[in-house]
Amino acid sequence: ARIADAVAEAVSSEAALSLAKLKKGEAVVKA
């Protein structure tokens, strides 16, 4: 959730939403 918050702050809400269905390791790489 904090990773998604960081992406939302720095990039966009839409980019943060793209992390939701990923496993944590995949979300880390994408973020």
All heavy atoms as atom14 arrays in JSON, in Angstrom:
{
  "sequence": "ARIADAVAEAVSSEAALSLAKLKKGEAVVKA",
  "atom14_mask": [
    [1, 1, 1, 1, 1, 0, 0, 0, 0, 0, 0, 0, 0, 0],
    [1, 1, 1, 1, 1, 1, 1, 1, 1, 1, 1, 0, 0, 0],
    [1, 1, 1, 1, 1, 1, 1, 1, 0, 0, 0, 0, 0, 0],
    [1, 1, 1, 1, 1, 0, 0, 0, 0, 0, 0, 0, 0, 0],
    [1, 1, 1, 1, 1, 1, 1, 1, 0, 0, 0, 0, 0, 0],
    [1, 1, 1, 1, 1, 0, 0, 0, 0, 0, 0, 0, 0, 0],
    [1, 1, 1, 1, 1, 1, 1, 0, 0, 0, 0, 0, 0, 0],
    [1, 1, 1, 1, 1, 0, 0, 0, 0, 0, 0, 0, 0, 0],
    [1, 1, 1, 1, 1, 1, 1, 1, 1, 0, 0, 0, 0, 0],
    [1, 1, 1, 1, 1, 0, 0, 0, 0, 0, 0, 0, 0, 0],
    [1, 1, 1, 1, 1, 1, 1, 0, 0, 0, 0, 0, 0, 0],
    [1, 1, 1, 1, 1, 1, 0, 0, 0, 0, 0, 0, 0, 0],
    [1, 1, 1, 1, 1, 1, 0, 0, 0, 0, 0, 0, 0, 0],
    [1, 1, 1, 1, 1, 1, 1, 1, 1, 0, 0, 0, 0, 0],
    [1, 1, 1, 1, 1, 0, 0, 0, 0, 0, 0, 0, 0, 0],
    [1, 1, 1, 1, 1, 0, 0, 0, 0, 0, 0, 0, 0, 0],
    [1, 1, 1, 1, 1, 1, 1, 1, 0, 0, 0, 0, 0, 0],
    [1, 1, 1, 1, 1, 1, 0, 0, 0, 0, 0, 0, 0, 0],
    [1, 1, 1, 1, 1, 1, 1, 1, 0, 0, 0, 0, 0, 0],
    [1, 1, 1, 1, 1, 0, 0, 0, 0, 0, 0, 0, 0, 0],
    [1, 1, 1, 1, 1, 1, 1, 1, 1, 0, 0, 0, 0, 0],
    [1, 1, 1, 1, 1, 1, 1, 1, 0, 0, 0, 0, 0, 0],
    [1, 1, 1, 1, 1, 1, 1, 1, 1, 0, 0, 0, 0, 0],
    [1, 1, 1, 1, 1, 1, 1, 1, 1, 0, 0, 0, 0, 0],
    [1, 1, 1, 1, 0, 0, 0, 0, 0, 0, 0, 0, 0, 0],
    [1, 1, 1, 1, 1, 1, 1, 1, 1, 0, 0, 0, 0, 0],
    [1, 1, 1, 1, 1, 0, 0, 0, 0, 0, 0, 0, 0, 0],
    [1, 1, 1, 1, 1, 1, 1, 0, 0, 0, 0, 0, 0, 0],
    [1, 1, 1, 1, 1, 1, 1, 0, 0, 0, 0, 0, 0, 0],
    [1, 1, 1, 1, 1, 1, 1, 1, 1, 0, 0, 0, 0, 0],
    [1, 1, 1, 1, 1, 0, 0, 0, 0, 0, 0, 0, 0, 0]
  ],
  "atom14_positions": [
    [[0.83, -1.21, 0.0], [0.0, 0.0, 0.0], [0.87, 1.26, 0.0], [0.53, 2.26, -0.65], [-0.93, 0.01, 1.21], [0.0, 0.0, 0.0], [0.0, 0.0, 0.0], [0.0, 0.0, 0.0], [0.0, 0.0, 0.0], [0.0, 0.0, 0.0], [0.0, 0.0, 0.0], [0.0, 0.0, 0.0], [0.0, 0.0, 0.0], [0.0, 0.0, 0.0]],
    [[1.99, 1.23, 0.7], [2.89, 2.39, 0.74], [3.59, 2.57, -0.61], [3.85, 3.69, -1.05], [3.91, 2.25, 1.86], [4.82, 3.43, 2.03], [4.01, 4.7, 2.4], [4.79, 5.87, 2.16], [4.47, 6.85, 1.31], [3.34, 6.82, 0.65], [5.26, 7.86, 1.13], [0.0, 0.0, 0.0], [0.0, 0.0, 0.0], [0.0, 0.0, 0.0]],
    [[3.89, 1.46, -1.27], [4.48, 1.53, -2.61], [3.49, 2.23, -3.55], [3.87, 3.13, -4.3], [4.82, 0.12, -3.13], [5.9, -0.52, -2.27], [5.25, 0.18, -4.59], [6.12, -2.01, -2.55], [0.0, 0.0, 0.0], [0.0, 0.0, 0.0], [0.0, 0.0, 0.0], [0.0, 0.0, 0.0], [0.0, 0.0, 0.0], [0.0, 0.0, 0.0]],
    [[2.24, 1.83, -3.47], [1.2, 2.45, -4.31], [1.05, 3.93, -3.99], [0.88, 4.75, -4.89], [-0.12, 1.72, -4.13], [0.0, 0.0, 0.0], [0.0, 0.0, 0.0], [0.0, 0.0, 0.0], [0.0, 0.0, 0.0], [0.0, 0.0, 0.0], [0.0, 0.0, 0.0], [0.0, 0.0, 0.0], [0.0, 0.0, 0.0], [0.0, 0.0, 0.0]],
    [[1.13, 4.3, -2.71], [1.05, 5.71, -2.33], [2.2, 6.51, -2.94], [1.99, 7.62, -3.43], [1.1, 5.86, -0.81], [-0.15, 5.36, -0.11], [-1.19, 5.17, -0.78], [-0.09, 5.16, 1.13], [0.0, 0.0, 0.0], [0.0, 0.0, 0.0], [0.0, 0.0, 0.0], [0.0, 0.0, 0.0], [0.0, 0.0, 0.0], [0.0, 0.0, 0.0]],
    [[3.39, 5.94, -2.92], [4.55, 6.63, -3.48], [4.37, 6.84, -4.99], [4.64, 7.94, -5.49], [5.82, 5.82, -3.21], [0.0, 0.0, 0.0], [0.0, 0.0, 0.0], [0.0, 0.0, 0.0], [0.0, 0.0, 0.0], [0.0, 0.0, 0.0], [0.0, 0.0, 0.0], [0.0, 0.0, 0.0], [0.0, 0.0, 0.0], [0.0, 0.0, 0.0]],
    [[3.9, 5.82, -5.68], [3.68, 5.94, -7.12], [2.57, 6.95, -7.4], [2.68, 7.75, -8.33], [3.38, 4.56, -7.74], [2.92, 4.69, -9.19], [4.62, 3.66, -7.64], [0.0, 0.0, 0.0], [0.0, 0.0, 0.0], [0.0, 0.0, 0.0], [0.0, 0.0, 0.0], [0.0, 0.0, 0.0], [0.0, 0.0, 0.0], [0.0, 0.0, 0.0]],
    [[1.52, 6.94, -6.6], [0.44, 7.92, -6.79], [0.95, 9.34, -6.62], [0.6, 10.23, -7.39], [-0.7, 7.64, -5.8], [0.0, 0.0, 0.0], [0.0, 0.0, 0.0], [0.0, 0.0, 0.0], [0.0, 0.0, 0.0], [0.0, 0.0, 0.0], [0.0, 0.0, 0.0], [0.0, 0.0, 0.0], [0.0, 0.0, 0.0], [0.0, 0.0, 0.0]],
    [[1.8, 9.57, -5.6], [2.37, 10.9, -5.37], [3.27, 11.34, -6.51], [3.22, 12.48, -6.95], [3.23, 10.9, -4.1], [2.51, 11.08, -2.81], [3.48, 11.12, -1.64], [4.58, 11.73, -1.77], [3.15, 10.55, -0.6], [0.0, 0.0, 0.0], [0.0, 0.0, 0.0], [0.0, 0.0, 0.0], [0.0, 0.0, 0.0], [0.0, 0.0, 0.0]],
    [[4.13, 10.44, -6.95], [5.17, 10.81, -7.91], [4.74, 10.73, -9.36], [5.23, 11.49, -10.2], [6.39, 9.92, -7.71], [0.0, 0.0, 0.0], [0.0, 0.0, 0.0], [0.0, 0.0, 0.0], [0.0, 0.0, 0.0], [0.0, 0.0, 0.0], [0.0, 0.0, 0.0], [0.0, 0.0, 0.0], [0.0, 0.0, 0.0], [0.0, 0.0, 0.0]],
    [[3.82, 9.82, -9.66], [3.46, 9.58, -11.06], [1.99, 9.91, -11.29], [1.67, 10.94, -11.87], [3.78, 8.12, -11.47], [3.47, 7.89, -12.93], [5.24, 7.78, -11.17], [0.0, 0.0, 0.0], [0.0, 0.0, 0.0], [0.0, 0.0, 0.0], [0.0, 0.0, 0.0], [0.0, 0.0, 0.0], [0.0, 0.0, 0.0], [0.0, 0.0, 0.0]],
    [[1.09, 9.03, -10.85], [-0.34, 9.27, -11.01], [-1.14, 8.21, -10.26], [-0.61, 7.13, -9.95], [-0.76, 9.23, -12.49], [-0.67, 7.91, -12.99], [0.0, 0.0, 0.0], [0.0, 0.0, 0.0], [0.0, 0.0, 0.0], [0.0, 0.0, 0.0], [0.0, 0.0, 0.0], [0.0, 0.0, 0.0], [0.0, 0.0, 0.0], [0.0, 0.0, 0.0]],
    [[-2.38, 8.5, -10.01], [-3.28, 7.53, -9.37], [-3.48, 6.31, -10.26], [-3.55, 5.18, -9.77], [-4.64, 8.16, -9.09], [-4.5, 9.25, -8.23], [0.0, 0.0, 0.0], [0.0, 0.0, 0.0], [0.0, 0.0, 0.0], [0.0, 0.0, 0.0], [0.0, 0.0, 0.0], [0.0, 0.0, 0.0], [0.0, 0.0, 0.0], [0.0, 0.0, 0.0]],
    [[-3.55, 6.54, -11.56], [-3.73, 5.43, -12.49], [-2.54, 4.48, -12.45], [-2.71, 3.26, -12.48], [-3.94, 5.96, -13.92], [-5.22, 6.72, -14.11], [-5.16, 8.17, -13.6], [-4.05, 8.73, -13.44], [-6.23, 8.73, -13.32], [0.0, 0.0, 0.0], [0.0, 0.0, 0.0], [0.0, 0.0, 0.0], [0.0, 0.0, 0.0], [0.0, 0.0, 0.0]],
    [[-1.34, 5.03, -12.39], [-0.14, 4.19, -12.31], [-0.14, 3.39, -11.02], [0.24, 2.21, -11.0], [1.11, 5.05, -12.41], [0.0, 0.0, 0.0], [0.0, 0.0, 0.0], [0.0, 0.0, 0.0], [0.0, 0.0, 0.0], [0.0, 0.0, 0.0], [0.0, 0.0, 0.0], [0.0, 0.0, 0.0], [0.0, 0.0, 0.0], [0.0, 0.0, 0.0]],
    [[-0.58, 4.0, -9.93], [-0.65, 3.31, -8.64], [-1.67, 2.17, -8.69], [-1.42, 1.08, -8.16], [-1.0, 4.28, -7.52], [0.0, 0.0, 0.0], [0.0, 0.0, 0.0], [0.0, 0.0, 0.0], [0.0, 0.0, 0.0], [0.0, 0.0, 0.0], [0.0, 0.0, 0.0], [0.0, 0.0, 0.0], [0.0, 0.0, 0.0], [0.0, 0.0, 0.0]],
    [[-2.79, 2.39, -9.36], [-3.8, 1.34, -9.49], [-3.29, 0.14, -10.26], [-3.72, -0.99, -10.03], [-5.06, 1.9, -10.16], [-5.91, 2.83, -9.32], [-7.05, 3.42, -10.16], [-6.46, 2.12, -8.11], [0.0, 0.0, 0.0], [0.0, 0.0, 0.0], [0.0, 0.0, 0.0], [0.0, 0.0, 0.0], [0.0, 0.0, 0.0], [0.0, 0.0, 0.0]],
    [[-2.35, 0.38, -11.16], [-1.8, -0.72, -11.95], [-1.0, -1.7, -11.1], [-0.72, -2.82, -11.53], [-0.94, -0.19, -13.1], [0.29, 0.32, -12.61], [0.0, 0.0, 0.0], [0.0, 0.0, 0.0], [0.0, 0.0, 0.0], [0.0, 0.0, 0.0], [0.0, 0.0, 0.0], [0.0, 0.0, 0.0], [0.0, 0.0, 0.0], [0.0, 0.0, 0.0]],
    [[-0.64, -1.31, -9.9], [0.12, -2.18, -9.0], [-0.78, -3.09, -8.17], [-0.32, -4.08, -7.61], [0.97, -1.33, -8.04], [1.94, -0.35, -8.65], [2.6, 0.47, -7.56], [2.98, -1.07, -9.48], [0.0, 0.0, 0.0], [0.0, 0.0, 0.0], [0.0, 0.0, 0.0], [0.0, 0.0, 0.0], [0.0, 0.0, 0.0], [0.0, 0.0, 0.0]],
    [[-2.06, -2.78, -8.1], [-2.98, -3.46, -7.19], [-3.05, -4.97, -7.36], [-3.08, -5.7, -6.38], [-4.38, -2.85, -7.32], [0.0, 0.0, 0.0], [0.0, 0.0, 0.0], [0.0, 0.0, 0.0], [0.0, 0.0, 0.0], [0.0, 0.0, 0.0], [0.0, 0.0, 0.0], [0.0, 0.0, 0.0], [0.0, 0.0, 0.0], [0.0, 0.0, 0.0]],
    [[-3.07, -5.45, -8.58], [-3.24, -6.89, -8.8], [-1.93, -7.65, -8.85], [-1.93, -8.87, -8.98], [-4.03, -7.12, -10.09], [-5.46, -6.64, -9.97], [-6.27, -6.96, -11.2], [-7.7, -6.46, -11.01], [-8.54, -6.75, -12.14], [0.0, 0.0, 0.0], [0.0, 0.0, 0.0], [0.0, 0.0, 0.0], [0.0, 0.0, 0.0], [0.0, 0.0, 0.0]],
    [[-0.82, -6.94, -8.74], [0.49, -7.59, -8.8], [0.88, -8.15, -7.43], [0.47, -7.62, -6.41], [1.56, -6.58, -9.24], [1.38, -5.94, -10.61], [2.48, -4.92, -10.85], [1.36, -6.98, -11.71], [0.0, 0.0, 0.0], [0.0, 0.0, 0.0], [0.0, 0.0, 0.0], [0.0, 0.0, 0.0], [0.0, 0.0, 0.0], [0.0, 0.0, 0.0]],
    [[1.69, -9.18, -7.44], [2.28, -9.67, -6.2], [3.31, -8.64, -5.77], [3.78, -7.83, -6.59], [2.94, -11.02, -6.41], [1.93, -12.11, -6.7], [2.6, -13.45, -6.78], [1.52, -14.51, -7.01], [2.03, -15.85, -6.9], [0.0, 0.0, 0.0], [0.0, 0.0, 0.0], [0.0, 0.0, 0.0], [0.0, 0.0, 0.0], [0.0, 0.0, 0.0]],
    [[3.68, -8.65, -4.49], [4.56, -7.6, -3.97], [5.86, -7.51, -4.76], [6.29, -6.42, -5.12], [4.86, -7.79, -2.5], [5.78, -6.68, -2.01], [5.8, -6.48, -0.57], [6.75, -5.32, -0.26], [7.05, -5.23, 1.11], [0.0, 0.0, 0.0], [0.0, 0.0, 0.0], [0.0, 0.0, 0.0], [0.0, 0.0, 0.0], [0.0, 0.0, 0.0]],
    [[6.5, -8.62, -5.03], [7.77, -8.59, -5.76], [7.63, -7.95, -7.13], [8.49, -7.17, -7.56], [0.0, 0.0, 0.0], [0.0, 0.0, 0.0], [0.0, 0.0, 0.0], [0.0, 0.0, 0.0], [0.0, 0.0, 0.0], [0.0, 0.0, 0.0], [0.0, 0.0, 0.0], [0.0, 0.0, 0.0], [0.0, 0.0, 0.0], [0.0, 0.0, 0.0]],
    [[6.54, -8.26, -7.81], [6.28, -7.67, -9.12], [5.98, -6.18, -8.99], [6.4, -5.37, -9.82], [5.11, -8.37, -9.79], [5.36, -9.83, -10.1], [4.09, -10.59, -10.47], [3.0, -10.22, -9.99], [4.21, -11.55, -11.24], [0.0, 0.0, 0.0], [0.0, 0.0, 0.0], [0.0, 0.0, 0.0], [0.0, 0.0, 0.0], [0.0, 0.0, 0.0]],
    [[5.25, -5.82, -7.93], [4.92, -4.41, -7.69], [6.19, -3.61, -7.41], [6.32, -2.47, -7.86], [3.93, -4.28, -6.54], [0.0, 0.0, 0.0], [0.0, 0.0, 0.0], [0.0, 0.0, 0.0], [0.0, 0.0, 0.0], [0.0, 0.0, 0.0], [0.0, 0.0, 0.0], [0.0, 0.0, 0.0], [0.0, 0.0, 0.0], [0.0, 0.0, 0.0]],
    [[7.12, -4.19, -6.67], [8.39, -3.52, -6.37], [9.14, -3.22, -7.66], [9.6, -2.1, -7.88], [9.25, -4.37, -5.41], [10.68, -3.86, -5.35], [8.64, -4.39, -4.01], [0.0, 0.0, 0.0], [0.0, 0.0, 0.0], [0.0, 0.0, 0.0], [0.0, 0.0, 0.0], [0.0, 0.0, 0.0], [0.0, 0.0, 0.0], [0.0, 0.0, 0.0]],
    [[9.24, -4.2, -8.53], [9.95, -4.02, -9.8], [9.27, -2.96, -10.66], [9.93, -2.06, -11.21], [10.07, -5.36, -10.56], [10.61, -5.16, -11.96], [10.92, -6.34, -9.78], [0.0, 0.0, 0.0], [0.0, 0.0, 0.0], [0.0, 0.0, 0.0], [0.0, 0.0, 0.0], [0.0, 0.0, 0.0], [0.0, 0.0, 0.0], [0.0, 0.0, 0.0]],
    [[7.96, -3.04, -10.78], [7.23, -2.06, -11.61], [7.33, -0.66, -11.01], [7.56, 0.32, -11.73], [5.77, -2.47, -11.77], [5.02, -1.54, -12.7], [3.71, -2.08, -13.16], [3.08, -1.14, -14.16], [1.84, -1.64, -14.69], [0.0, 0.0, 0.0], [0.0, 0.0, 0.0], [0.0, 0.0, 0.0], [0.0, 0.0, 0.0], [0.0, 0.0, 0.0]],
    [[7.17, -0.56, -9.69], [7.24, 0.75, -9.03], [8.63, 1.36, -9.18], [8.75, 2.58, -9.37], [6.87, 0.62, -7.56], [0.0, 0.0, 0.0], [0.0, 0.0, 0.0], [0.0, 0.0, 0.0], [0.0, 0.0, 0.0], [0.0, 0.0, 0.0], [0.0, 0.0, 0.0], [0.0, 0.0, 0.0], [0.0, 0.0, 0.0], [0.0, 0.0, 0.0]]
  ]
}
